Every structure is written in structure tokens, then in C-alpha cells.
Amino acid sequence: MPKTSSDLLDEVLDVLDDLATKDDRERVAELRQRVDARSLRVLVAGEAKRGKSTLVNQMIGRDVLPTGVTPVTAVVTTVRRAEADEHIEVTFQDGRVARHDLAELADFVSERGNPLNERGVRTVEVLVRSDLLDRFDVELVDTPGTGSVFEYNTVAAEEALASLDAAIFVVTADPPIAAAERDLLARTSALSVRTFVVLNKADQLDEAGLGEAEAFTAQVVAEATGLDARLFPCSARKGRSDGGYARFAEAMERYLGERAEADLVIALCGHAARLAAAMLDAAVLTERSLHLSASSSAERVTLFRDRLQAITARQRDIDDRCWAAERRMRRELDTSAARTAVTSGKGAG
């Protein structure tokens, strides 16, 4: 029986687990959970006050995340489907996890409820029911805005980039995209298998001004990503009553229905490959530090050299398996598309 893309990913993780240190094994375990969950992690990124939380609320069709005039989101907040009752799960920096009512969300994730993150919150998961989350295997990750007066917000947002699969990057028509946003977009798109760019607050400009803003943003996006990315000028606060937002919502739902499964495999392969590369880098640094330490025994140096050689030898194998998993998923999609086309042709006849 031919191996599935999931089988190939499991083999990659088995290889990494064999070579991992204790800390690395925790990362491998987290990645294995991602493989089992089969849920695409879509990061909503951008500078402060671009309308990220408002956009997420519109996507799930409910005002769940707190919004406001000043920078609001202080903690990385993941919105996913509730299998039973709605609630939030708060993970603290000391490792504690606590369950709270949905109504308490702002007390943990907002600057007003949790100023300077005095509660020591690491992340918050919001488990709710919505049409989008019920129909698709997707998690929406609202990040603190970068570039605000709260420096730790930028740090939290940067750390969240490592976990993304796909991304929605939010900029505004006025003020236009800035250099810092361009650099953040470049880093985001380099990690993301698919990046949507939302040009929010389009209703604040007249037709001529919006056209100018759209052309300028498209040029900056192309330079930052190397892609001719499609922009979605819209007003997120107006929701589906705004034609631009309606087009974005339709495009996003079409993507989740047609491409999310394949892109998830590609993203997980990328996570596995980056983890292997990080392990290799760590092994190289450890070996060098041992050579520099006069107190290090020859046995310890030999032990780490052996581990380094093992990881180096398996790096190509890991890369090959990752690409094999991706190719397998593409073949599965091509076969499915061909069958759909044949079925449609028969129906037409």
C-alpha cells in the first residue's frame, strides 16, 4: 500500500526524535501534534492599529476579540473551533494553563485588562463556534501589532511567526505601507505557504486616492515578496456590506476549501526541515564550544561529534522525505481534480 503524505511526515518526525535533545523533543512533539490535528494555522500579522482583530472578528462573524482606538491586543491569541462549550484557555509564562469564560478574554489579552502583560500570559486560545471554523480545519491567530509603544508586543508578534502556515498581512490605505511593514511582510511571506494582503480602511479615501494607494502597495508587496500578490482593498469594520471585504472573504473560503489541505502538508514539511536545520546548527555550536573548553573531556567531544555527524547525514534524508510528502499531496490533488473533471464531463453529456 503506497505511503500517504502523513506517513512520510511521521517518518521525518521519527528521524528527528531519534536525534533530538530534551528541548528538541518538545518541539518535535509539538510538531507531531500539528500533524495529528490537521488544522491550517493562519497568522494575521501587521503593524499596530491596522485592524487585525476587527478582521478576525468579521471572519468568524462575531465580535469576540477586543478592539479599540489605541493598541489593544497584547498577547498572541488563537481562535479555533470549540468541540463543546465555548471558553478560553490561558497559558502562562510559567507553564500553568487555566480555563476561563469567554467573557473574560479582554482581561488577559488586552492592554486595558492586562497592562504590560502583568499577568504573565504567554498565549490564549479562544474556542468558539462559527460558520467558518465549523466548515474548515483552520486556526486564526491574532497577533499583537508590531511597531507600537509597547515593545514586548513586537517581540510576541515576531515569536509567533515561527508557528505560521499561511498568513493574512494587514496594511492600511492611509497611512500607506511603511518600510518596517515591508520588512515584516518579507519575513512573513518567506515562512508562509500562502500570503493574503488586505489593504484595510479603504473607505477613508476617495476613488482616486484609493487607486493610488493600491498601486503603491502592490509595488511594495511585489518588491518585498517577489510575488505578484493580489490585494484586497476593503473596510473590515463594515464586513460583508463592503464589496471589497466580501471579495476577500469569498477568496479566503475558496482557498480553505480547495488548497488548505495541500498547503498544510507543505507548511509542516517546512517546519520539519527548519527544525532539522536548527538541530544541526545547535550541534555545530556545541561541538565548537566543547573544543574551546579546556575542561571538556575527549569523550564528550567525541559524543557530540558523533551526534553532529548523525544529524548531518540525516539532513538530506529529512529534506528528501519532506519533498516526497509534498509531491505525494500534489499527486493526490491532481488525481482528485482529474476525477472531478471526468465526473463533471459525464454529467454535462
Protein backbone atom coordinates (compact mmCIF):
# COMPACT_ATOMS: atom_id res chain seq x y z
CA MET A 1 0.00 0.00 0.00
CA PRO A 2 1.54 3.36 -1.02
CA LYS A 3 2.54 5.76 1.72
CA THR A 4 0.43 8.84 2.30
CA SER A 5 1.83 12.31 2.90
CA SER A 6 1.03 11.86 6.61
CA ASP A 7 3.06 8.63 6.67
CA LEU A 8 6.05 10.42 5.20
CA LEU A 9 5.76 13.27 7.71
CA ASP A 10 5.58 10.77 10.57
CA GLU A 11 8.80 9.17 9.30
CA VAL A 12 10.50 12.57 9.26
CA LEU A 13 9.45 13.21 12.85
CA ASP A 14 10.65 9.76 13.91
CA VAL A 15 14.08 10.59 12.50
CA LEU A 16 14.15 13.94 14.30
CA ASP A 17 13.04 12.32 17.55
CA ASP A 18 15.92 9.84 17.40
CA LEU A 19 18.45 12.66 17.09
CA ALA A 20 16.81 15.21 19.38
CA THR A 21 17.87 16.53 22.76
CA LYS A 22 15.27 17.01 25.50
CA ASP A 23 14.39 20.54 24.35
CA ASP A 24 14.28 19.43 20.73
CA ARG A 25 11.92 16.57 21.60
CA GLU A 26 9.42 19.06 22.96
CA ARG A 27 9.47 20.86 19.62
CA VAL A 28 9.15 17.56 17.76
CA ALA A 29 6.18 16.64 19.97
CA GLU A 30 4.52 19.99 19.22
CA LEU A 31 5.03 19.43 15.51
CA ARG A 32 3.62 15.92 15.77
CA GLN A 33 0.51 17.36 17.43
CA ARG A 34 0.18 19.75 14.50
CA VAL A 35 0.34 16.81 12.07
CA ASP A 36 -2.34 14.94 14.03
CA ALA A 37 -4.62 17.99 14.31
CA ARG A 38 -4.53 18.66 10.54
CA SER A 39 -5.51 22.28 11.11
CA LEU A 40 -4.06 25.09 8.99
CA ARG A 41 -2.62 27.85 11.19
CA VAL A 42 -3.33 31.23 9.57
CA LEU A 43 -1.46 34.11 11.18
CA VAL A 44 -2.95 37.61 10.97
CA ALA A 45 0.06 39.91 11.04
CA GLY A 46 0.83 43.61 10.65
CA GLU A 47 1.67 46.80 12.46
CA ALA A 48 -0.37 48.12 15.36
CA LYS A 49 -3.79 49.62 14.62
CA ARG A 50 -4.20 48.16 11.14
CA GLY A 51 -7.44 46.39 12.02
CA LYS A 52 -6.23 42.82 12.57
CA SER A 53 -8.60 41.98 15.43
CA THR A 54 -11.51 43.59 13.60
CA LEU A 55 -10.72 41.46 10.55
CA VAL A 56 -10.65 38.24 12.60
CA ASN A 57 -13.99 39.15 14.20
CA GLN A 58 -15.52 39.62 10.76
CA MET A 59 -14.10 36.31 9.55
CA ILE A 60 -15.72 34.38 12.38
CA GLY A 61 -18.87 36.50 12.19
CA ARG A 62 -18.74 37.58 15.83
CA ASP A 63 -17.24 40.35 17.96
CA VAL A 64 -15.12 38.05 20.11
CA LEU A 65 -11.71 39.74 20.12
CA PRO A 66 -11.42 43.14 21.85
CA THR A 67 -10.84 46.15 19.60
CA GLY A 68 -10.24 49.84 20.22
CA VAL A 69 -8.65 53.11 19.16
CA THR A 70 -5.32 52.52 20.97
CA PRO A 71 -3.18 49.36 20.64
CA VAL A 72 -5.35 46.60 22.15
CA THR A 73 -4.00 43.10 21.55
CA ALA A 74 -1.16 42.37 23.96
CA VAL A 75 -0.95 38.57 23.71
CA VAL A 76 -0.90 36.11 20.80
CA THR A 77 -4.50 34.87 20.58
CA THR A 78 -5.53 31.76 18.63
CA VAL A 79 -9.16 31.34 17.63
CA ARG A 80 -10.25 27.79 16.85
CA ARG A 81 -13.35 25.63 16.74
CA ALA A 82 -14.98 24.64 20.01
CA GLU A 83 -15.90 20.96 20.08
CA ALA A 84 -18.21 21.50 23.08
CA ASP A 85 -18.86 24.63 25.17
CA GLU A 86 -17.16 27.92 24.31
CA HIS A 87 -14.36 29.10 26.60
CA ILE A 88 -10.77 30.37 26.62
CA GLU A 89 -7.60 28.55 27.66
CA VAL A 90 -4.84 30.75 29.07
CA THR A 91 -1.25 29.52 29.07
CA PHE A 92 1.02 31.46 31.41
CA GLN A 93 4.74 32.02 31.06
CA ASP A 94 5.40 29.71 33.99
CA GLY A 95 3.64 26.84 32.21
CA ARG A 96 0.31 26.96 34.03
CA VAL A 97 -2.84 26.51 31.95
CA ALA A 98 -6.20 27.84 33.15
CA ARG A 99 -9.69 27.72 31.71
CA HIS A 100 -11.90 30.84 31.81
CA ASP A 101 -15.20 32.09 30.46
CA LEU A 102 -15.22 33.68 27.02
CA ALA A 103 -16.41 36.95 28.60
CA GLU A 104 -13.07 37.22 30.44
CA LEU A 105 -10.97 37.31 27.27
CA ALA A 106 -10.15 41.02 27.42
CA ASP A 107 -8.83 40.58 30.96
CA PHE A 108 -5.96 38.52 29.57
CA VAL A 109 -5.25 39.69 26.00
CA SER A 110 -5.84 43.45 26.03
CA GLU A 111 -3.64 46.30 27.22
CA ARG A 112 -6.51 47.65 29.31
CA GLY A 113 -7.26 44.34 31.04
CA ASN A 114 -3.68 43.13 31.24
CA PRO A 115 -1.42 46.21 31.09
CA LEU A 116 2.19 45.46 30.20
CA ASN A 117 1.16 41.79 30.44
CA GLU A 118 1.39 41.98 34.23
CA ARG A 119 -0.46 38.65 34.47
CA GLY A 120 2.42 36.88 32.73
CA VAL A 121 0.32 35.41 29.93
CA ARG A 122 2.13 33.55 27.17
CA THR A 123 -0.73 32.70 24.80
CA VAL A 124 -4.52 32.44 24.81
CA GLU A 125 -6.70 30.02 22.87
CA VAL A 126 -10.28 31.07 22.14
CA LEU A 127 -12.60 28.14 21.46
CA VAL A 128 -15.79 29.29 19.76
CA ARG A 129 -18.37 28.18 17.24
CA SER A 130 -18.67 29.96 13.91
CA ASP A 131 -19.61 29.09 10.35
CA LEU A 132 -16.02 29.46 9.09
CA LEU A 133 -14.47 27.36 11.85
CA ASP A 134 -17.18 24.70 11.57
CA ARG A 135 -16.70 24.35 7.80
CA PHE A 136 -12.91 24.38 7.60
CA ASP A 137 -9.97 22.97 9.59
CA VAL A 138 -8.35 26.32 10.32
CA GLU A 139 -7.00 28.30 13.25
CA LEU A 140 -6.87 32.10 13.12
CA VAL A 141 -4.00 33.66 15.08
CA ASP A 142 -4.38 37.31 16.07
CA THR A 143 -1.01 38.84 16.89
CA PRO A 144 -0.05 41.98 18.80
CA GLY A 145 0.77 44.80 16.42
CA THR A 146 4.42 45.49 15.78
CA GLY A 147 5.83 48.98 16.00
CA SER A 148 3.62 50.17 18.88
CA VAL A 149 4.89 51.93 22.00
CA PHE A 150 4.72 48.55 23.77
CA GLU A 151 7.98 46.88 22.75
CA TYR A 152 7.04 43.48 24.17
CA ASN A 153 4.09 43.41 21.73
CA THR A 154 6.56 43.42 18.86
CA VAL A 155 8.57 40.62 20.49
CA ALA A 156 5.46 38.46 20.93
CA ALA A 157 4.38 39.05 17.33
CA GLU A 158 7.84 38.14 15.99
CA GLU A 159 7.89 34.91 18.01
CA ALA A 160 4.50 33.93 16.58
CA LEU A 161 5.91 33.97 13.05
CA ALA A 162 7.71 30.68 13.66
CA SER A 163 4.42 28.80 14.01
CA LEU A 164 2.53 30.09 10.96
CA ASP A 165 1.44 28.01 7.98
CA ALA A 166 -0.33 30.69 5.94
CA ALA A 167 -0.73 34.39 6.60
CA ILE A 168 -3.03 37.35 6.21
CA PHE A 169 -0.97 40.53 6.21
CA VAL A 170 -2.94 43.66 7.05
CA VAL A 171 -1.88 47.13 5.94
CA THR A 172 -3.90 50.31 5.55
CA ALA A 173 -4.68 52.57 2.64
CA ASP A 174 -3.95 55.60 4.80
CA PRO A 175 -1.30 55.75 6.17
CA PRO A 176 0.37 53.78 3.37
CA ILE A 177 2.63 50.78 3.89
CA ALA A 178 5.91 51.76 5.55
CA ALA A 179 9.46 50.37 5.47
CA ALA A 180 9.04 48.42 8.72
CA GLU A 181 5.86 46.82 7.36
CA ARG A 182 7.61 45.91 4.14
CA ASP A 183 10.36 44.15 6.08
CA LEU A 184 7.83 42.31 8.26
CA LEU A 185 5.91 41.27 5.16
CA ALA A 186 9.10 39.91 3.60
CA ARG A 187 9.81 37.77 6.68
CA THR A 188 6.20 36.63 6.91
CA SER A 189 5.89 35.61 3.27
CA ALA A 190 9.22 33.75 3.43
CA LEU A 191 7.74 31.47 6.11
CA SER A 192 4.19 31.29 4.77
CA VAL A 193 3.00 28.90 2.07
CA ARG A 194 0.30 31.41 1.12
CA THR A 195 0.00 35.10 1.94
CA PHE A 196 -3.10 37.27 1.53
CA VAL A 197 -2.60 41.03 1.69
CA VAL A 198 -5.53 43.08 2.98
CA LEU A 199 -5.49 46.81 2.28
CA ASN A 200 -7.76 47.87 5.12
CA LYS A 201 -9.55 51.17 5.82
CA ALA A 202 -10.12 51.70 2.12
CA ASP A 203 -13.28 53.65 2.91
CA GLN A 204 -11.16 56.51 4.27
CA LEU A 205 -10.02 57.52 0.76
CA ASP A 206 -11.86 58.66 -2.34
CA GLU A 207 -11.67 56.60 -5.53
CA ALA A 208 -8.59 58.38 -6.89
CA GLY A 209 -6.74 58.20 -3.58
CA LEU A 210 -7.57 54.52 -3.15
CA GLY A 211 -6.32 53.75 -6.65
CA GLU A 212 -3.03 55.47 -5.84
CA ALA A 213 -2.72 53.63 -2.52
CA GLU A 214 -3.50 50.28 -4.16
CA ALA A 215 -0.88 50.75 -6.89
CA PHE A 216 1.77 51.83 -4.38
CA THR A 217 1.01 48.93 -2.04
CA ALA A 218 1.08 46.41 -4.90
CA GLN A 219 4.54 47.64 -5.91
CA VAL A 220 5.89 47.39 -2.36
CA VAL A 221 4.38 43.93 -1.88
CA ALA A 222 5.92 42.68 -5.12
CA GLU A 223 9.34 44.01 -4.12
CA ALA A 224 9.09 42.52 -0.62
CA THR A 225 7.83 39.09 -1.59
CA GLY A 226 8.88 38.60 -5.20
CA LEU A 227 5.25 37.76 -5.93
CA ASP A 228 2.51 39.50 -7.84
CA ALA A 229 0.22 39.13 -4.84
CA ARG A 230 -3.44 40.02 -5.12
CA LEU A 231 -4.52 42.84 -2.85
CA PHE A 232 -7.90 43.09 -1.18
CA PRO A 233 -8.80 46.76 -0.62
CA CYS A 234 -11.65 46.80 1.88
CA SER A 235 -13.18 48.12 5.06
CA ALA A 236 -13.00 45.33 7.62
CA ARG A 237 -15.25 47.16 10.08
CA LYS A 238 -18.10 47.14 7.53
CA GLY A 239 -17.85 43.40 6.96
CA ARG A 240 -19.75 41.82 4.06
CA SER A 241 -21.67 45.00 3.42
CA ASP A 242 -18.38 46.25 1.95
CA GLY A 243 -17.76 44.80 -1.52
CA GLY A 244 -14.01 44.62 -1.01
CA TYR A 245 -14.33 42.66 2.21
CA ALA A 246 -16.89 40.34 0.61
CA ARG A 247 -14.39 39.55 -2.18
CA PHE A 248 -11.67 38.82 0.39
CA ALA A 249 -13.99 36.55 2.42
CA GLU A 250 -15.01 34.63 -0.71
CA ALA A 251 -11.38 34.22 -1.81
CA MET A 252 -10.36 33.04 1.65
CA GLU A 253 -13.16 30.48 1.86
CA ARG A 254 -12.37 29.21 -1.63
CA TYR A 255 -8.74 28.83 -0.65
CA LEU A 256 -9.57 26.95 2.54
CA GLY A 257 -11.84 24.62 0.64
CA GLU A 258 -9.51 23.93 -2.29
CA ARG A 259 -5.92 24.40 -1.16
CA ALA A 260 -5.66 24.35 2.64
CA GLU A 261 -5.08 20.61 2.96
CA ALA A 262 -2.21 20.57 0.46
CA ASP A 263 -0.70 23.78 1.84
CA LEU A 264 -0.78 22.34 5.35
CA VAL A 265 1.42 19.43 4.24
CA ILE A 266 3.83 21.84 2.55
CA ALA A 267 3.91 24.03 5.66
CA LEU A 268 4.52 21.11 8.02
CA CYS A 269 7.36 19.92 5.78
CA GLY A 270 8.87 23.38 6.07
CA HIS A 271 8.56 23.33 9.86
CA ALA A 272 10.26 19.91 10.00
CA ALA A 273 13.08 20.99 7.70
CA ARG A 274 13.71 24.18 9.72
CA LEU A 275 13.73 22.17 12.95
CA ALA A 276 16.31 19.78 11.48
CA ALA A 277 18.44 22.73 10.37
CA ALA A 278 18.20 24.28 13.84
CA MET A 279 19.27 21.00 15.44
CA LEU A 280 22.23 20.84 13.09
CA ASP A 281 23.24 24.41 13.91
CA ALA A 282 22.97 23.69 17.64
CA ALA A 283 25.13 20.60 17.29
CA VAL A 284 27.79 22.56 15.41
CA LEU A 285 27.86 25.26 18.10
CA THR A 286 28.02 22.66 20.87
CA GLU A 287 30.96 20.91 19.28
CA ARG A 288 32.82 24.21 18.87
CA SER A 289 32.16 25.19 22.48
CA LEU A 290 33.44 21.83 23.69
CA HIS A 291 36.65 22.24 21.73
CA LEU A 292 37.13 25.67 23.27
CA SER A 293 36.57 24.40 26.81
CA ALA A 294 39.75 23.12 28.46
CA SER A 295 37.68 21.17 30.98
CA SER A 296 35.82 19.17 28.32
CA SER A 297 36.81 15.56 28.15
CA ALA A 298 37.72 13.86 24.90
CA GLU A 299 34.77 11.53 25.38
CA ARG A 300 32.29 14.39 25.45
CA VAL A 301 33.81 15.93 22.35
CA THR A 302 33.60 12.58 20.57
CA LEU A 303 29.99 12.11 21.69
CA PHE A 304 28.89 15.44 20.28
CA ARG A 305 30.90 14.94 17.10
CA ASP A 306 29.09 11.67 16.55
CA ARG A 307 25.74 13.38 17.08
CA LEU A 308 26.73 16.16 14.71
CA GLN A 309 27.71 13.67 12.03
CA ALA A 310 24.46 11.76 12.53
CA ILE A 311 22.34 14.87 12.11
CA THR A 312 24.34 15.99 9.09
CA ALA A 313 23.95 12.59 7.48
CA ARG A 314 20.19 12.58 8.08
CA GLN A 315 19.62 16.19 6.95
CA ARG A 316 19.42 15.19 3.27
CA ASP A 317 17.17 12.27 4.16
CA ILE A 318 14.84 14.59 6.06
CA ASP A 319 14.74 17.05 3.17
CA ASP A 320 14.02 14.24 0.71
CA ARG A 321 11.18 12.90 2.83
CA CYS A 322 9.68 16.37 3.21
CA TRP A 323 9.71 16.89 -0.53
CA ALA A 324 8.29 13.40 -1.03
CA ALA A 325 5.39 14.23 1.27
CA GLU A 326 4.70 17.42 -0.66
CA ARG A 327 4.89 15.66 -4.03
CA ARG A 328 2.59 12.94 -2.72
CA MET A 329 -0.01 15.52 -1.70
CA ARG A 330 0.21 17.23 -5.08
CA ARG A 331 -0.35 13.91 -6.87
CA GLU A 332 -3.36 13.21 -4.64
CA LEU A 333 -4.80 16.62 -5.51
CA ASP A 334 -4.14 16.16 -9.25
CA THR A 335 -5.86 12.76 -9.18
CA SER A 336 -8.82 14.19 -7.31
CA ALA A 337 -9.11 17.08 -9.76
CA ALA A 338 -8.97 14.72 -12.74
CA ARG A 339 -11.75 12.57 -11.29
CA THR A 340 -13.85 15.66 -10.67
CA ALA A 341 -13.33 16.79 -14.26
CA VAL A 342 -14.36 13.37 -15.63
CA THR A 343 -17.44 13.30 -13.42
CA SER A 344 -18.40 16.82 -14.49
CA GLY A 345 -17.94 15.88 -18.16
CA LYS A 346 -20.21 12.88 -17.83
CA GLY A 347 -22.83 14.99 -16.14
CA ALA A 348 -22.69 17.56 -18.92
CA GLY A 349 -23.22 14.92 -21.54
